[in-house]
Structures are given as C-alpha cells and as structure tokens.
C-alpha cells in the first residue's frame, strides 16, 4: 500500500477514536484492538464504513474479524488487499 494510503488510513482511525487516543507512533506492529479503550464496536463500525466510502471498496460481513484490527499492519494489509482487487 502506498504511503498516502497508510496516512489516509491513520486519519480514518484517528477520526473514529480521537487524535489524542492515537498511538504516538504508527508502525505495523502497533497493537490496536484490546490496546485502545476508544476502539470499541462503534469505532470499528465507523472505521469500516469510512474504509468503504473513502477507498471505494466493499467489506462483506463475512470478512470482518478481530484479526483485521489486531495491529496497524493487519489493518493496512486488509485495506491493501481490498484495493488490489
């Protein structure tokens, strides 16, 4: 995924959980789900909705799992795979 897409994805997550809740560094191994109290079910839904709208992809309910939100890298890989289709 291009750097601009990673930055855009960071902005999507920041808008869902709040900039102050964002990890200080944004690396592939930065944990997300279970590490950020602000990353609740409503935030996950907001992130998935924005990914669909902003990246122009469709996320099927059967694709959604906690693994996608395990880390920054897993979320980036998921979006990258969606964009490659």
PDB file of N, CA and C in Angstrom:
ATOM      1  N   UNK A   1       0.848  -1.167   0.000  1.00  0.00           N
ATOM      2  CA  UNK A   1       0.000   0.000   0.000  1.00  0.00           C
ATOM      3  C   UNK A   1       0.902   1.241   0.000  1.00  0.00           C
ATOM      4  N   UNK A   2       0.579   2.221  -0.796  1.00  0.00           N
ATOM      5  CA  UNK A   2       1.364   3.442  -0.874  1.00  0.00           C
ATOM      6  C   UNK A   2       1.303   4.195   0.451  1.00  0.00           C
ATOM      7  N   UNK A   3       2.324   4.994   0.680  1.00  0.00           N
ATOM      8  CA  UNK A   3       2.384   5.767   1.919  1.00  0.00           C
ATOM      9  C   UNK A   3       1.153   6.660   2.089  1.00  0.00           C
ATOM     10  N   UNK A   4       0.653   7.230   1.011  1.00  0.00           N
ATOM     11  CA  UNK A   4      -0.511   8.095   1.125  1.00  0.00           C
ATOM     12  C   UNK A   4      -1.721   7.326   1.631  1.00  0.00           C
ATOM     13  N   UNK A   5      -1.861   6.070   1.219  1.00  0.00           N
ATOM     14  CA  UNK A   5      -2.972   5.257   1.709  1.00  0.00           C
ATOM     15  C   UNK A   5      -2.815   4.965   3.200  1.00  0.00           C
ATOM     16  N   UNK A   6      -1.589   4.724   3.632  1.00  0.00           N
ATOM     17  CA  UNK A   6      -1.346   4.475   5.054  1.00  0.00           C
ATOM     18  C   UNK A   6      -1.682   5.721   5.874  1.00  0.00           C
ATOM     19  N   UNK A   7      -1.278   6.875   5.362  1.00  0.00           N
ATOM     20  CA  UNK A   7      -1.588   8.124   6.064  1.00  0.00           C
ATOM     21  C   UNK A   7      -3.094   8.358   6.116  1.00  0.00           C
ATOM     22  N   UNK A   8      -3.761   8.056   5.008  1.00  0.00           N
ATOM     23  CA  UNK A   8      -5.204   8.232   4.940  1.00  0.00           C
ATOM     24  C   UNK A   8      -5.895   7.287   5.918  1.00  0.00           C
ATOM     25  N   UNK A   9      -5.394   6.051   6.019  1.00  0.00           N
ATOM     26  CA  UNK A   9      -5.952   5.081   6.953  1.00  0.00           C
ATOM     27  C   UNK A   9      -5.748   5.544   8.391  1.00  0.00           C
ATOM     28  N   UNK A  10      -4.597   6.111   8.673  1.00  0.00           N
ATOM     29  CA  UNK A  10      -4.336   6.654  10.018  1.00  0.00           C
ATOM     30  C   UNK A  10      -5.353   7.751  10.348  1.00  0.00           C
ATOM     31  N   UNK A  11      -5.645   8.601   9.372  1.00  0.00           N
ATOM     32  CA  UNK A  11      -6.622   9.682   9.578  1.00  0.00           C
ATOM     33  C   UNK A  11      -8.014   9.115   9.843  1.00  0.00           C
ATOM     34  N   UNK A  12      -8.355   8.030   9.170  1.00  0.00           N
ATOM     35  CA  UNK A  12      -9.658   7.382   9.387  1.00  0.00           C
ATOM     36  C   UNK A  12      -9.749   6.868  10.821  1.00  0.00           C
ATOM     37  N   UNK A  13      -8.703   6.179  11.273  1.00  0.00           N
ATOM     38  CA  UNK A  13      -8.694   5.640  12.641  1.00  0.00           C
ATOM     39  C   UNK A  13      -8.727   6.784  13.648  1.00  0.00           C
ATOM     40  N   UNK A  14      -7.941   7.829  13.399  1.00  0.00           N
ATOM     41  CA  UNK A  14      -7.907   8.976  14.316  1.00  0.00           C
ATOM     42  C   UNK A  14      -9.272   9.635  14.430  1.00  0.00           C
ATOM     43  N   UNK A  15      -9.993   9.724  13.319  1.00  0.00           N
ATOM     44  CA  UNK A  15     -11.312  10.354  13.381  1.00  0.00           C
ATOM     45  C   UNK A  15     -12.309   9.491  14.148  1.00  0.00           C
ATOM     46  N   UNK A  16     -12.098   8.165  14.134  1.00  0.00           N
ATOM     47  CA  UNK A  16     -13.017   7.259  14.835  1.00  0.00           C
ATOM     48  C   UNK A  16     -12.745   7.187  16.331  1.00  0.00           C
ATOM     49  N   UNK A  17     -11.475   7.285  16.729  1.00  0.00           N
ATOM     50  CA  UNK A  17     -11.154   7.130  18.151  1.00  0.00           C
ATOM     51  C   UNK A  17     -10.697   8.425  18.805  1.00  0.00           C
ATOM     52  N   UNK A  18     -10.417   9.433  18.019  1.00  0.00           N
ATOM     53  CA  UNK A  18      -9.920  10.696  18.554  1.00  0.00           C
ATOM     54  C   UNK A  18      -8.411  10.761  18.448  1.00  0.00           C
ATOM     55  N   UNK A  19      -7.929  11.884  18.011  1.00  0.00           N
ATOM     56  CA  UNK A  19      -6.486  12.063  17.785  1.00  0.00           C
ATOM     57  C   UNK A  19      -5.672  11.800  19.050  1.00  0.00           C
ATOM     58  N   UNK A  20      -6.184  12.204  20.204  1.00  0.00           N
ATOM     59  CA  UNK A  20      -5.427  12.018  21.455  1.00  0.00           C
ATOM     60  C   UNK A  20      -5.307  10.555  21.847  1.00  0.00           C
ATOM     61  N   UNK A  21      -6.190   9.696  21.335  1.00  0.00           N
ATOM     62  CA  UNK A  21      -6.121   8.269  21.657  1.00  0.00           C
ATOM     63  C   UNK A  21      -5.187   7.512  20.725  1.00  0.00           C
ATOM     64  N   UNK A  22      -4.737   8.166  19.660  1.00  0.00           N
ATOM     65  CA  UNK A  22      -3.867   7.506  18.699  1.00  0.00           C
ATOM     66  C   UNK A  22      -2.536   7.156  19.333  1.00  0.00           C
ATOM     67  N   UNK A  23      -1.964   6.004  18.977  1.00  0.00           N
ATOM     68  CA  UNK A  23      -0.616   5.678  19.453  1.00  0.00           C
ATOM     69  C   UNK A  23       0.377   6.745  18.992  1.00  0.00           C
ATOM     70  N   UNK A  24       1.379   7.012  19.809  1.00  0.00           N
ATOM     71  CA  UNK A  24       2.368   8.040  19.473  1.00  0.00           C
ATOM     72  C   UNK A  24       3.090   7.710  18.177  1.00  0.00           C
ATOM     73  N   UNK A  25       3.373   6.452  17.971  1.00  0.00           N
ATOM     74  CA  UNK A  25       3.987   6.029  16.708  1.00  0.00           C
ATOM     75  C   UNK A  25       3.025   5.090  16.003  1.00  0.00           C
ATOM     76  N   UNK A  26       3.095   5.068  14.703  1.00  0.00           N
ATOM     77  CA  UNK A  26       2.170   4.285  13.877  1.00  0.00           C
ATOM     78  C   UNK A  26       3.025   3.330  13.057  1.00  0.00           C
ATOM     79  N   UNK A  27       3.287   2.146  13.630  1.00  0.00           N
ATOM     80  CA  UNK A  27       4.124   1.139  12.986  1.00  0.00           C
ATOM     81  C   UNK A  27       3.282  -0.106  12.740  1.00  0.00           C
ATOM     82  N   UNK A  28       3.699  -0.956  11.818  1.00  0.00           N
ATOM     83  CA  UNK A  28       2.923  -2.163  11.535  1.00  0.00           C
ATOM     84  C   UNK A  28       2.643  -3.032  12.773  1.00  0.00           C
ATOM     85  N   UNK A  29       3.553  -3.045  13.724  1.00  0.00           N
ATOM     86  CA  UNK A  29       3.348  -3.899  14.905  1.00  0.00           C
ATOM     87  C   UNK A  29       2.630  -3.182  16.056  1.00  0.00           C
ATOM     88  N   UNK A  30       2.187  -1.950  15.827  1.00  0.00           N
ATOM     89  CA  UNK A  30       1.444  -1.229  16.865  1.00  0.00           C
ATOM     90  C   UNK A  30       0.098  -1.912  17.089  1.00  0.00           C
ATOM     91  N   UNK A  31      -0.158  -2.387  18.303  1.00  0.00           N
ATOM     92  CA  UNK A  31      -1.428  -3.072  18.567  1.00  0.00           C
ATOM     93  C   UNK A  31      -2.608  -2.104  18.567  1.00  0.00           C
ATOM     94  N   UNK A  32      -3.742  -2.588  18.118  1.00  0.00           N
ATOM     95  CA  UNK A  32      -4.960  -1.774  18.096  1.00  0.00           C
ATOM     96  C   UNK A  32      -6.014  -2.373  19.015  1.00  0.00           C
ATOM     97  N   UNK A  33      -6.734  -3.369  18.539  1.00  0.00           N
ATOM     98  CA  UNK A  33      -7.846  -3.944  19.288  1.00  0.00           C
ATOM     99  C   UNK A  33      -7.343  -4.543  20.601  1.00  0.00           C
ATOM    100  N   UNK A  34      -7.950  -4.134  21.679  1.00  0.00           N
ATOM    101  CA  UNK A  34      -7.544  -4.597  23.003  1.00  0.00           C
ATOM    102  C   UNK A  34      -6.519  -3.692  23.664  1.00  0.00           C
ATOM    103  N   UNK A  35      -5.915  -2.797  22.878  1.00  0.00           N
ATOM    104  CA  UNK A  35      -4.913  -1.884  23.422  1.00  0.00           C
ATOM    105  C   UNK A  35      -5.425  -0.460  23.554  1.00  0.00           C
ATOM    106  N   UNK A  36      -6.481  -0.153  22.827  1.00  0.00           N
ATOM    107  CA  UNK A  36      -7.053   1.190  22.854  1.00  0.00           C
ATOM    108  C   UNK A  36      -8.495   1.109  23.319  1.00  0.00           C
ATOM    109  N   UNK A  37      -8.766   1.653  24.479  1.00  0.00           N
ATOM    110  CA  UNK A  37     -10.127   1.602  25.027  1.00  0.00           C
ATOM    111  C   UNK A  37     -11.125   2.284  24.098  1.00  0.00           C
ATOM    112  N   UNK A  38     -10.665   3.282  23.364  1.00  0.00           N
ATOM    113  CA  UNK A  38     -11.537   4.025  22.460  1.00  0.00           C
ATOM    114  C   UNK A  38     -11.932   3.225  21.223  1.00  0.00           C
ATOM    115  N   UNK A  39     -11.225   2.140  20.953  1.00  0.00           N
ATOM    116  CA  UNK A  39     -11.513   1.319  19.781  1.00  0.00           C
ATOM    117  C   UNK A  39     -12.593   0.300  20.153  1.00  0.00           C
ATOM    118  N   UNK A  40     -13.809   0.811  20.302  1.00  0.00           N
ATOM    119  CA  UNK A  40     -14.946  -0.032  20.665  1.00  0.00           C
ATOM    120  C   UNK A  40     -15.727  -0.417  19.411  1.00  0.00           C
ATOM    121  N   UNK A  41     -16.852  -1.081  19.594  1.00  0.00           N
ATOM    122  CA  UNK A  41     -17.625  -1.563  18.446  1.00  0.00           C
ATOM    123  C   UNK A  41     -18.114  -0.433  17.554  1.00  0.00           C
ATOM    124  N   UNK A  42     -18.458   0.694  18.134  1.00  0.00           N
ATOM    125  CA  UNK A  42     -18.905   1.827  17.329  1.00  0.00           C
ATOM    126  C   UNK A  42     -17.744   2.407  16.510  1.00  0.00           C
ATOM    127  N   UNK A  43     -16.566   2.462  17.096  1.00  0.00           N
ATOM    128  CA  UNK A  43     -15.395   2.953  16.375  1.00  0.00           C
ATOM    129  C   UNK A  43     -15.033   2.000  15.238  1.00  0.00           C
ATOM    130  N   UNK A  44     -15.123   0.691  15.489  1.00  0.00           N
ATOM    131  CA  UNK A  44     -14.839  -0.284  14.436  1.00  0.00           C
ATOM    132  C   UNK A  44     -15.801  -0.118  13.271  1.00  0.00           C
ATOM    133  N   UNK A  45     -17.062   0.067  13.568  1.00  0.00           N
ATOM    134  CA  UNK A  45     -18.060   0.278  12.527  1.00  0.00           C
ATOM    135  C   UNK A  45     -17.764   1.565  11.751  1.00  0.00           C
ATOM    136  N   UNK A  46     -17.392   2.614  12.448  1.00  0.00           N
ATOM    137  CA  UNK A  46     -17.063   3.879  11.794  1.00  0.00           C
ATOM    138  C   UNK A  46     -15.846   3.712  10.879  1.00  0.00           C
ATOM    139  N   UNK A  47     -14.846   2.979  11.339  1.00  0.00           N
ATOM    140  CA  UNK A  47     -13.646   2.748  10.525  1.00  0.00           C
ATOM    141  C   UNK A  47     -13.990   1.954   9.276  1.00  0.00           C
ATOM    142  N   UNK A  48     -14.739   0.880   9.434  1.00  0.00           N
ATOM    143  CA  UNK A  48     -15.118   0.063   8.275  1.00  0.00           C
ATOM    144  C   UNK A  48     -15.967   0.855   7.276  1.00  0.00           C
ATOM    145  N   UNK A  49     -16.864   1.668   7.781  1.00  0.00           N
ATOM    146  CA  UNK A  49     -17.706   2.487   6.908  1.00  0.00           C
ATOM    147  C   UNK A  49     -16.859   3.477   6.127  1.00  0.00           C
ATOM    148  N   UNK A  50     -15.936   4.130   6.812  1.00  0.00           N
ATOM    149  CA  UNK A  50     -15.062   5.103   6.135  1.00  0.00           C
ATOM    150  C   UNK A  50     -14.146   4.419   5.134  1.00  0.00           C
ATOM    151  N   UNK A  51     -13.660   3.212   5.457  1.00  0.00           N
ATOM    152  CA  UNK A  51     -12.827   2.474   4.502  1.00  0.00           C
ATOM    153  C   UNK A  51     -13.619   2.218   3.228  1.00  0.00           C
ATOM    154  N   UNK A  52     -14.858   1.781   3.391  1.00  0.00           N
ATOM    155  CA  UNK A  52     -15.706   1.526   2.222  1.00  0.00           C
ATOM    156  C   UNK A  52     -15.926   2.806   1.420  1.00  0.00           C
ATOM    157  N   UNK A  53     -16.285   3.867   2.097  1.00  0.00           N
ATOM    158  CA  UNK A  53     -16.602   5.129   1.417  1.00  0.00           C
ATOM    159  C   UNK A  53     -15.370   5.799   0.823  1.00  0.00           C
ATOM    160  N   UNK A  54     -14.315   5.902   1.603  1.00  0.00           N
ATOM    161  CA  UNK A  54     -13.150   6.677   1.173  1.00  0.00           C
ATOM    162  C   UNK A  54     -12.249   5.925   0.201  1.00  0.00           C
ATOM    163  N   UNK A  55     -12.181   4.603   0.340  1.00  0.00           N
ATOM    164  CA  UNK A  55     -11.347   3.814  -0.563  1.00  0.00           C
ATOM    165  C   UNK A  55     -12.161   3.188  -1.694  1.00  0.00           C
ATOM    166  N   UNK A  56     -13.485   3.305  -1.629  1.00  0.00           N
ATOM    167  CA  UNK A  56     -14.328   2.780  -2.690  1.00  0.00           C
ATOM    168  C   UNK A  56     -14.331   1.268  -2.782  1.00  0.00           C
ATOM    169  N   UNK A  57     -14.300   0.609  -1.632  1.00  0.00           N
ATOM    170  CA  UNK A  57     -14.323  -0.851  -1.594  1.00  0.00           C
ATOM    171  C   UNK A  57     -15.560  -1.312  -0.825  1.00  0.00           C
ATOM    172  N   UNK A  58     -15.883  -2.575  -0.971  1.00  0.00           N
ATOM    173  CA  UNK A  58     -16.991  -3.164  -0.238  1.00  0.00           C
ATOM    174  C   UNK A  58     -16.443  -4.193   0.735  1.00  0.00           C
ATOM    175  N   UNK A  59     -16.811  -4.074   1.997  1.00  0.00           N
ATOM    176  CA  UNK A  59     -16.392  -5.033   3.021  1.00  0.00           C
ATOM    177  C   UNK A  59     -17.604  -5.879   3.361  1.00  0.00           C
ATOM    178  N   UNK A  60     -17.540  -7.153   2.997  1.00  0.00           N
ATOM    179  CA  UNK A  60     -18.626  -8.077   3.278  1.00  0.00           C
ATOM    180  C   UNK A  60     -18.595  -8.466   4.751  1.00  0.00           C
ATOM    181  N   UNK A  61     -19.765  -8.680   5.325  1.00  0.00           N
ATOM    182  CA  UNK A  61     -19.845  -9.060   6.743  1.00  0.00           C
ATOM    183  C   UNK A  61     -19.000 -10.290   7.051  1.00  0.00           C
ATOM    184  N   UNK A  62     -18.898 -11.214   6.109  1.00  0.00           N
ATOM    185  CA  UNK A  62     -18.136 -12.447   6.342  1.00  0.00           C
ATOM    186  C   UNK A  62     -16.629 -12.195   6.421  1.00  0.00           C
ATOM    187  N   UNK A  63     -16.169 -11.035   5.972  1.00  0.00           N
ATOM    188  CA  UNK A  63     -14.746 -10.693   6.006  1.00  0.00           C
ATOM    189  C   UNK A  63     -14.324 -10.076   7.336  1.00  0.00           C
ATOM    190  N   UNK A  64     -15.264  -9.618   8.107  1.00  0.00           N
ATOM    191  CA  UNK A  64     -14.960  -8.873   9.320  1.00  0.00           C
ATOM    192  C   UNK A  64     -14.605  -9.823  10.458  1.00  0.00           C
ATOM    193  N   UNK A  65     -13.431  -9.581  11.036  1.00  0.00           N
ATOM    194  CA  UNK A  65     -12.999 -10.359  12.196  1.00  0.00           C
ATOM    195  C   UNK A  65     -12.072  -9.493  13.043  1.00  0.00           C
ATOM    196  N   UNK A  66     -11.835  -9.929  14.242  1.00  0.00           N
ATOM    197  CA  UNK A  66     -10.937  -9.205  15.146  1.00  0.00           C
ATOM    198  C   UNK A  66      -9.515  -9.176  14.595  1.00  0.00           C
ATOM    199  N   UNK A  67      -9.161 -10.160  13.776  1.00  0.00           N
ATOM    200  CA  UNK A  67      -7.816 -10.222  13.212  1.00  0.00           C
ATOM    201  C   UNK A  67      -7.477  -8.980  12.393  1.00  0.00           C
ATOM    202  N   UNK A  68      -8.468  -8.404  11.729  1.00  0.00           N
ATOM    203  CA  UNK A  68      -8.243  -7.210  10.918  1.00  0.00           C
ATOM    204  C   UNK A  68      -7.722  -6.071  11.790  1.00  0.00           C
ATOM    205  N   UNK A  69      -8.219  -5.963  12.999  1.00  0.00           N
ATOM    206  CA  UNK A  69      -7.893  -4.851  13.886  1.00  0.00           C
ATOM    207  C   UNK A  69      -6.857  -5.212  14.946  1.00  0.00           C
ATOM    208  N   UNK A  70      -6.162  -6.327  14.761  1.00  0.00           N
ATOM    209  CA  UNK A  70      -5.159  -6.748  15.737  1.00  0.00           C
ATOM    210  C   UNK A  70      -4.021  -5.737  15.855  1.00  0.00           C
ATOM    211  N   UNK A  71      -3.582  -5.232  14.708  1.00  0.00           N
ATOM    212  CA  UNK A  71      -2.473  -4.276  14.698  1.00  0.00           C
ATOM    213  C   UNK A  71      -2.633  -3.316  13.530  1.00  0.00           C
ATOM    214  N   UNK A  72      -1.803  -2.311  13.532  1.00  0.00           N
ATOM    215  CA  UNK A  72      -1.787  -1.373  12.412  1.00  0.00           C
ATOM    216  C   UNK A  72      -1.496  -2.131  11.117  1.00  0.00           C
ATOM    217  N   UNK A  73      -0.526  -3.029  11.168  1.00  0.00           N
ATOM    218  CA  UNK A  73      -0.146  -3.794   9.987  1.00  0.00           C
ATOM    219  C   UNK A  73      -1.267  -4.660   9.448  1.00  0.00           C
ATOM    220  N   UNK A  74      -2.014  -5.303  10.329  1.00  0.00           N
ATOM    221  CA  UNK A  74      -3.108  -6.160   9.856  1.00  0.00           C
ATOM    222  C   UNK A  74      -4.216  -5.329   9.219  1.00  0.00           C
ATOM    223  N   UNK A  75      -4.469  -4.138   9.744  1.00  0.00           N
ATOM    224  CA  UNK A  75      -5.466  -3.255   9.149  1.00  0.00           C
ATOM    225  C   UNK A  75      -4.980  -2.743   7.791  1.00  0.00           C
ATOM    226  N   UNK A  76      -3.706  -2.376   7.717  1.00  0.00           N
ATOM    227  CA  UNK A  76      -3.139  -1.922   6.447  1.00  0.00           C
ATOM    228  C   UNK A  76      -3.166  -3.033   5.405  1.00  0.00           C
ATOM    229  N   UNK A  77      -2.854  -4.262   5.813  1.00  0.00           N
ATOM    230  CA  UNK A  77      -2.883  -5.405   4.881  1.00  0.00           C
ATOM    231  C   UNK A  77      -4.293  -5.659   4.377  1.00  0.00           C
ATOM    232  N   UNK A  78      -5.268  -5.564   5.257  1.00  0.00           N
ATOM    233  CA  UNK A  78      -6.658  -5.770   4.860  1.00  0.00           C
ATOM    234  C   UNK A  78      -7.063  -4.744   3.809  1.00  0.00           C
ATOM    235  N   UNK A  79      -6.772  -3.476   4.065  1.00  0.00           N
ATOM    236  CA  UNK A  79      -7.142  -2.426   3.115  1.00  0.00           C
ATOM    237  C   UNK A  79      -6.348  -2.595   1.815  1.00  0.00           C
ATOM    238  N   UNK A  80      -5.071  -2.922   1.921  1.00  0.00           N
ATOM    239  CA  UNK A  80      -4.264  -3.146   0.736  1.00  0.00           C
ATOM    240  C   UNK A  80      -4.806  -4.268  -0.124  1.00  0.00           C
ATOM    241  N   UNK A  81      -5.258  -5.344   0.502  1.00  0.00           N
ATOM    242  CA  UNK A  81      -5.837  -6.469  -0.244  1.00  0.00           C
ATOM    243  C   UNK A  81      -7.139  -6.057  -0.912  1.00  0.00           C
ATOM    244  N   UNK A  82      -7.927  -5.244  -0.228  1.00  0.00           N
ATOM    245  CA  UNK A  82      -9.196  -4.763  -0.811  1.00  0.00           C
ATOM    246  C   UNK A  82      -8.913  -3.868  -2.021  1.00  0.00           C
ATOM    247  N   UNK A  83      -7.899  -3.045  -1.929  1.00  0.00           N
ATOM    248  CA  UNK A  83      -7.569  -2.145  -3.032  1.00  0.00           C
ATOM    249  C   UNK A  83      -6.976  -2.892  -4.224  1.00  0.00           C
ATOM    250  N   UNK A  84      -6.340  -4.023  -3.963  1.00  0.00           N
ATOM    251  CA  UNK A  84      -5.713  -4.795  -5.040  1.00  0.00           C
ATOM    252  C   UNK A  84      -6.725  -5.556  -5.882  1.00  0.00           C
ATOM    253  N   UNK A  85      -7.927  -5.704  -5.385  1.00  0.00           N
ATOM    254  CA  UNK A  85      -8.952  -6.469  -6.119  1.00  0.00           C
ATOM    255  C   UNK A  85      -9.513  -5.680  -7.262  1.00  0.00           C
TER     256      UNK A  85
END
